[in-house]
Amino acid sequence: MLRTLGAVRGLRRLEGFSDAVFAIALTLLVVEIQPPGSPDGPAVGPSLWLAIAAQWREHLAVLVCFLAIGVYWLQHHHVGRIYVHSDHAFGAINLGFLMGVMSIPYPVRIWAYNVGTQHEAEASLVLTIGLMVPALFWMGKWLYGRPRTIMDERLAPDFLRQMTWRYSTAALLTVAAVPLALVAPRAAVVLTLSVLLYFLLPQPSPRYRPGMEPEETKVSTE
């Protein structure tokens, strides 16, 4: 029997807590933008449209943050049919992952406010590091759960290999973007954001061992 660090638990509370963190992180993004003319916002000046356009850095930060956090939520939702249990170590790794997700707006805003300035190179390095952290914790969750009963034992081995290849490739590219940022900052940012954009595409549906398909899967294929 495989050893687990702590009692095996269900996923309902872990998933509920994770969804709440995602919801709060996404909701707070737009709060960072102070509308022109508001008490804490920039002056409107001769044109409201120009004042709005002048906030393009804030808009860029919100867009990139929403992309990054949204992609991880999509993957979190996708693996809801892959993980079936949790334990203490898995929960701890998930906390690290949520910390990375919650922190995404900070490096993104540093980068957005320094694009086109003399500090763009350093800001690009901060961005790639900031987006690498949740990617590593996500991969940590996957690698920890793969050989344990945390994952549905009915899943087909070829499906698990396929998803391992996808997640590990994405993690390696995200890590590679960090040293790349030292020599080619914009290329590193493009690489990191391209990995995120890739995971906006539909991911493979879970496949199961012959004769072990869940009832809802059998119905959907008839």
Protein backbone atom coordinates (compact mmCIF):
# COMPACT_ATOMS: atom_id res chain seq x y z
CA MET A 1 0.00 0.00 0.00
CA LEU A 2 1.30 3.45 -0.89
CA ARG A 3 2.13 5.68 2.06
CA THR A 4 0.24 8.97 2.39
CA LEU A 5 1.34 11.88 4.54
CA GLY A 6 -1.76 12.29 6.64
CA ALA A 7 -5.25 10.84 6.39
CA VAL A 8 -6.71 10.53 2.91
CA ARG A 9 -9.47 13.10 2.50
CA GLY A 10 -12.10 14.05 -0.02
CA LEU A 11 -11.74 16.96 -2.39
CA ARG A 12 -14.87 19.00 -1.65
CA ARG A 13 -13.32 21.41 0.86
CA LEU A 14 -10.03 21.69 -1.04
CA GLU A 15 -11.83 22.47 -4.31
CA GLY A 16 -14.22 24.90 -2.62
CA PHE A 17 -11.38 26.79 -0.97
CA SER A 18 -9.38 26.86 -4.21
CA ASP A 19 -12.36 28.16 -6.20
CA ALA A 20 -12.85 30.92 -3.62
CA VAL A 21 -9.22 32.02 -4.00
CA PHE A 22 -9.58 32.09 -7.78
CA ALA A 23 -12.82 34.08 -7.55
CA ILE A 24 -11.32 36.67 -5.21
CA ALA A 25 -8.13 37.00 -7.27
CA LEU A 26 -10.12 37.58 -10.47
CA THR A 27 -12.63 39.94 -8.87
CA LEU A 28 -10.01 42.23 -7.36
CA LEU A 29 -8.22 42.84 -10.67
CA VAL A 30 -10.44 45.66 -11.91
CA VAL A 31 -10.46 47.34 -8.49
CA GLU A 32 -6.83 48.31 -9.12
CA ILE A 33 -7.90 50.68 -11.93
CA GLN A 34 -9.07 54.08 -10.70
CA PRO A 35 -11.37 55.66 -13.32
CA PRO A 36 -10.37 59.08 -14.68
CA GLY A 37 -12.14 61.80 -12.77
CA SER A 38 -12.68 59.69 -9.66
CA PRO A 39 -11.32 60.99 -6.32
CA ASP A 40 -8.24 58.73 -6.52
CA GLY A 41 -8.02 58.55 -10.30
CA PRO A 42 -6.16 60.67 -12.85
CA ALA A 43 -7.53 64.00 -14.01
CA VAL A 44 -9.76 63.84 -17.07
CA GLY A 45 -8.16 66.76 -18.88
CA PRO A 46 -9.52 67.90 -22.25
CA SER A 47 -10.75 64.44 -23.30
CA LEU A 48 -12.15 61.53 -21.32
CA TRP A 49 -11.17 59.12 -24.10
CA LEU A 50 -7.56 60.25 -23.97
CA ALA A 51 -7.55 59.89 -20.20
CA ILE A 52 -8.84 56.32 -20.54
CA ALA A 53 -6.28 55.53 -23.25
CA ALA A 54 -3.53 56.89 -21.02
CA GLN A 55 -4.31 54.07 -18.59
CA TRP A 56 -3.25 51.42 -21.12
CA ARG A 57 -0.71 50.00 -18.69
CA GLU A 58 -3.43 49.28 -16.14
CA HIS A 59 -5.60 47.72 -18.84
CA LEU A 60 -2.69 45.58 -20.06
CA ALA A 61 -2.01 44.37 -16.52
CA VAL A 62 -5.65 43.39 -16.00
CA LEU A 63 -5.73 41.53 -19.33
CA VAL A 64 -2.55 39.54 -18.63
CA CYS A 65 -3.59 38.80 -15.04
CA PHE A 66 -7.02 37.62 -16.13
CA LEU A 67 -5.40 35.41 -18.79
CA ALA A 68 -2.94 33.82 -16.36
CA ILE A 69 -5.38 33.28 -13.49
CA GLY A 70 -8.16 32.22 -15.87
CA VAL A 71 -5.96 29.59 -17.53
CA TYR A 72 -5.07 28.06 -14.18
CA TRP A 73 -8.73 28.02 -13.19
CA LEU A 74 -9.58 26.20 -16.43
CA GLN A 75 -6.93 23.58 -15.69
CA HIS A 76 -8.07 23.38 -12.06
CA HIS A 77 -11.59 22.71 -13.35
CA HIS A 78 -10.28 20.18 -15.89
CA VAL A 79 -8.45 18.03 -13.33
CA GLY A 80 -11.57 17.87 -11.19
CA ARG A 81 -12.26 14.55 -12.93
CA ILE A 82 -8.69 13.32 -12.45
CA TYR A 83 -8.02 13.85 -8.75
CA VAL A 84 -10.36 11.95 -6.45
CA HIS A 85 -8.69 12.29 -3.02
CA SER A 86 -6.38 14.56 -1.07
CA ASP A 87 -3.96 14.25 1.83
CA HIS A 88 -1.88 16.63 3.93
CA ALA A 89 1.05 16.90 1.50
CA PHE A 90 -1.23 17.39 -1.50
CA GLY A 91 -3.11 20.12 0.36
CA ALA A 92 0.17 21.83 1.27
CA ILE A 93 1.35 21.79 -2.33
CA ASN A 94 -2.03 23.19 -3.36
CA LEU A 95 -1.58 26.02 -0.87
CA GLY A 96 1.74 26.88 -2.52
CA PHE A 97 0.00 26.82 -5.89
CA LEU A 98 -2.74 29.18 -4.64
CA MET A 99 -0.08 31.50 -3.22
CA GLY A 100 1.47 31.64 -6.68
CA VAL A 101 -1.90 32.35 -8.30
CA MET A 102 -2.79 35.02 -5.73
CA SER A 103 0.58 36.73 -6.29
CA ILE A 104 0.32 36.89 -10.10
CA PRO A 105 -0.98 40.51 -10.23
CA TYR A 106 2.14 41.89 -8.52
CA PRO A 107 4.79 40.81 -11.08
CA VAL A 108 2.39 41.47 -13.94
CA ARG A 109 1.81 45.04 -12.81
CA ILE A 110 5.56 45.59 -12.35
CA TRP A 111 6.06 44.48 -15.93
CA ALA A 112 3.14 46.45 -17.38
CA TYR A 113 4.28 49.68 -15.71
CA ASN A 114 7.83 49.28 -17.04
CA VAL A 115 7.27 48.13 -20.62
CA GLY A 116 9.14 50.50 -22.90
CA THR A 117 11.22 51.98 -20.10
CA GLN A 118 14.83 51.50 -19.08
CA HIS A 119 13.66 48.96 -16.51
CA GLU A 120 11.84 46.68 -18.96
CA ALA A 121 14.52 43.99 -18.81
CA GLU A 122 14.35 43.69 -15.03
CA ALA A 123 10.56 43.86 -15.11
CA SER A 124 10.45 41.04 -17.67
CA LEU A 125 12.60 38.90 -15.40
CA VAL A 126 10.23 39.60 -12.50
CA LEU A 127 7.26 38.64 -14.69
CA THR A 128 8.77 35.34 -15.83
CA ILE A 129 9.69 34.41 -12.26
CA GLY A 130 6.22 35.37 -11.02
CA LEU A 131 4.54 33.18 -13.64
CA MET A 132 7.00 30.34 -13.09
CA VAL A 133 6.03 29.90 -9.43
CA PRO A 134 2.43 28.68 -9.93
CA ALA A 135 3.59 26.54 -12.87
CA LEU A 136 6.09 24.70 -10.64
CA PHE A 137 3.55 24.15 -7.87
CA TRP A 138 1.02 22.91 -10.44
CA MET A 139 3.59 20.42 -11.71
CA GLY A 140 4.36 19.49 -8.12
CA LYS A 141 0.70 18.63 -7.54
CA TRP A 142 0.65 16.50 -10.66
CA LEU A 143 3.87 14.62 -9.89
CA TYR A 144 2.82 14.02 -6.28
CA GLY A 145 -0.59 12.70 -7.27
CA ARG A 146 0.51 10.60 -10.24
CA PRO A 147 1.82 7.50 -8.39
CA ARG A 148 -0.73 7.71 -5.57
CA THR A 149 -4.42 6.97 -5.12
CA ILE A 150 -5.04 10.72 -5.21
CA MET A 151 -5.73 10.25 -8.92
CA ASP A 152 -8.57 8.14 -10.24
CA GLU A 153 -7.14 4.63 -10.60
CA ARG A 154 -9.48 3.96 -13.53
CA LEU A 155 -7.69 6.48 -15.76
CA ALA A 156 -5.89 5.02 -18.75
CA PRO A 157 -2.07 5.05 -18.48
CA ASP A 158 -1.72 6.60 -21.96
CA PHE A 159 -3.94 9.52 -20.90
CA LEU A 160 -1.84 10.15 -17.80
CA ARG A 161 1.35 10.02 -19.90
CA GLN A 162 -0.17 12.47 -22.37
CA MET A 163 -1.10 14.96 -19.66
CA THR A 164 2.28 14.52 -17.93
CA TRP A 165 4.01 15.37 -21.20
CA ARG A 166 1.83 18.46 -21.68
CA TYR A 167 2.28 19.79 -18.15
CA SER A 168 5.99 19.00 -17.94
CA THR A 169 6.69 20.63 -21.31
CA ALA A 170 4.79 23.74 -20.24
CA ALA A 171 6.65 23.85 -16.92
CA LEU A 172 10.05 23.46 -18.62
CA LEU A 173 9.27 26.24 -21.11
CA THR A 174 8.12 28.50 -18.30
CA VAL A 175 11.34 27.81 -16.38
CA ALA A 176 13.42 28.36 -19.52
CA ALA A 177 11.84 31.80 -19.93
CA VAL A 178 13.58 32.99 -16.75
CA PRO A 179 17.20 32.77 -17.99
CA LEU A 180 16.00 33.83 -21.45
CA ALA A 181 14.75 37.07 -19.88
CA LEU A 182 18.34 37.96 -19.01
CA VAL A 183 19.34 38.11 -22.68
CA ALA A 184 16.07 38.60 -24.57
CA PRO A 185 13.41 40.07 -22.26
CA ARG A 186 10.60 40.44 -24.77
CA ALA A 187 11.16 36.98 -26.22
CA ALA A 188 10.94 35.56 -22.70
CA VAL A 189 7.64 37.32 -22.08
CA VAL A 190 6.26 36.09 -25.40
CA LEU A 191 7.33 32.53 -24.56
CA THR A 192 5.68 32.61 -21.13
CA LEU A 193 2.44 34.13 -22.41
CA SER A 194 2.38 31.70 -25.35
CA VAL A 195 2.40 28.77 -22.92
CA LEU A 196 -0.59 30.29 -21.13
CA LEU A 197 -2.43 30.87 -24.40
CA TYR A 198 -1.87 27.24 -25.38
CA PHE A 199 -3.81 26.08 -22.34
CA LEU A 200 -6.80 28.14 -23.41
CA LEU A 201 -7.32 25.40 -25.98
CA PRO A 202 -9.52 22.45 -24.99
CA GLN A 203 -7.52 19.78 -23.20
CA PRO A 204 -7.94 16.02 -23.79
CA SER A 205 -10.93 14.50 -22.06
CA PRO A 206 -10.08 11.85 -19.46
CA ARG A 207 -9.75 8.36 -20.89
CA TYR A 208 -10.27 5.26 -18.81
CA ARG A 209 -9.15 1.66 -18.75
CA PRO A 210 -11.42 -0.63 -20.81
CA GLY A 211 -14.50 -1.58 -18.87
CA MET A 212 -13.81 0.96 -16.10
CA GLU A 213 -15.45 4.03 -17.64
CA PRO A 214 -17.70 6.03 -15.28
CA GLU A 215 -21.37 5.78 -16.04
CA GLU A 216 -21.61 9.37 -17.34
CA THR A 217 -18.78 8.68 -19.79
CA LYS A 218 -20.54 5.62 -21.17
CA VAL A 219 -23.74 7.60 -21.67
CA SER A 220 -21.92 10.45 -23.44
CA THR A 221 -20.36 8.07 -25.97
CA GLU A 222 -23.54 6.23 -26.89
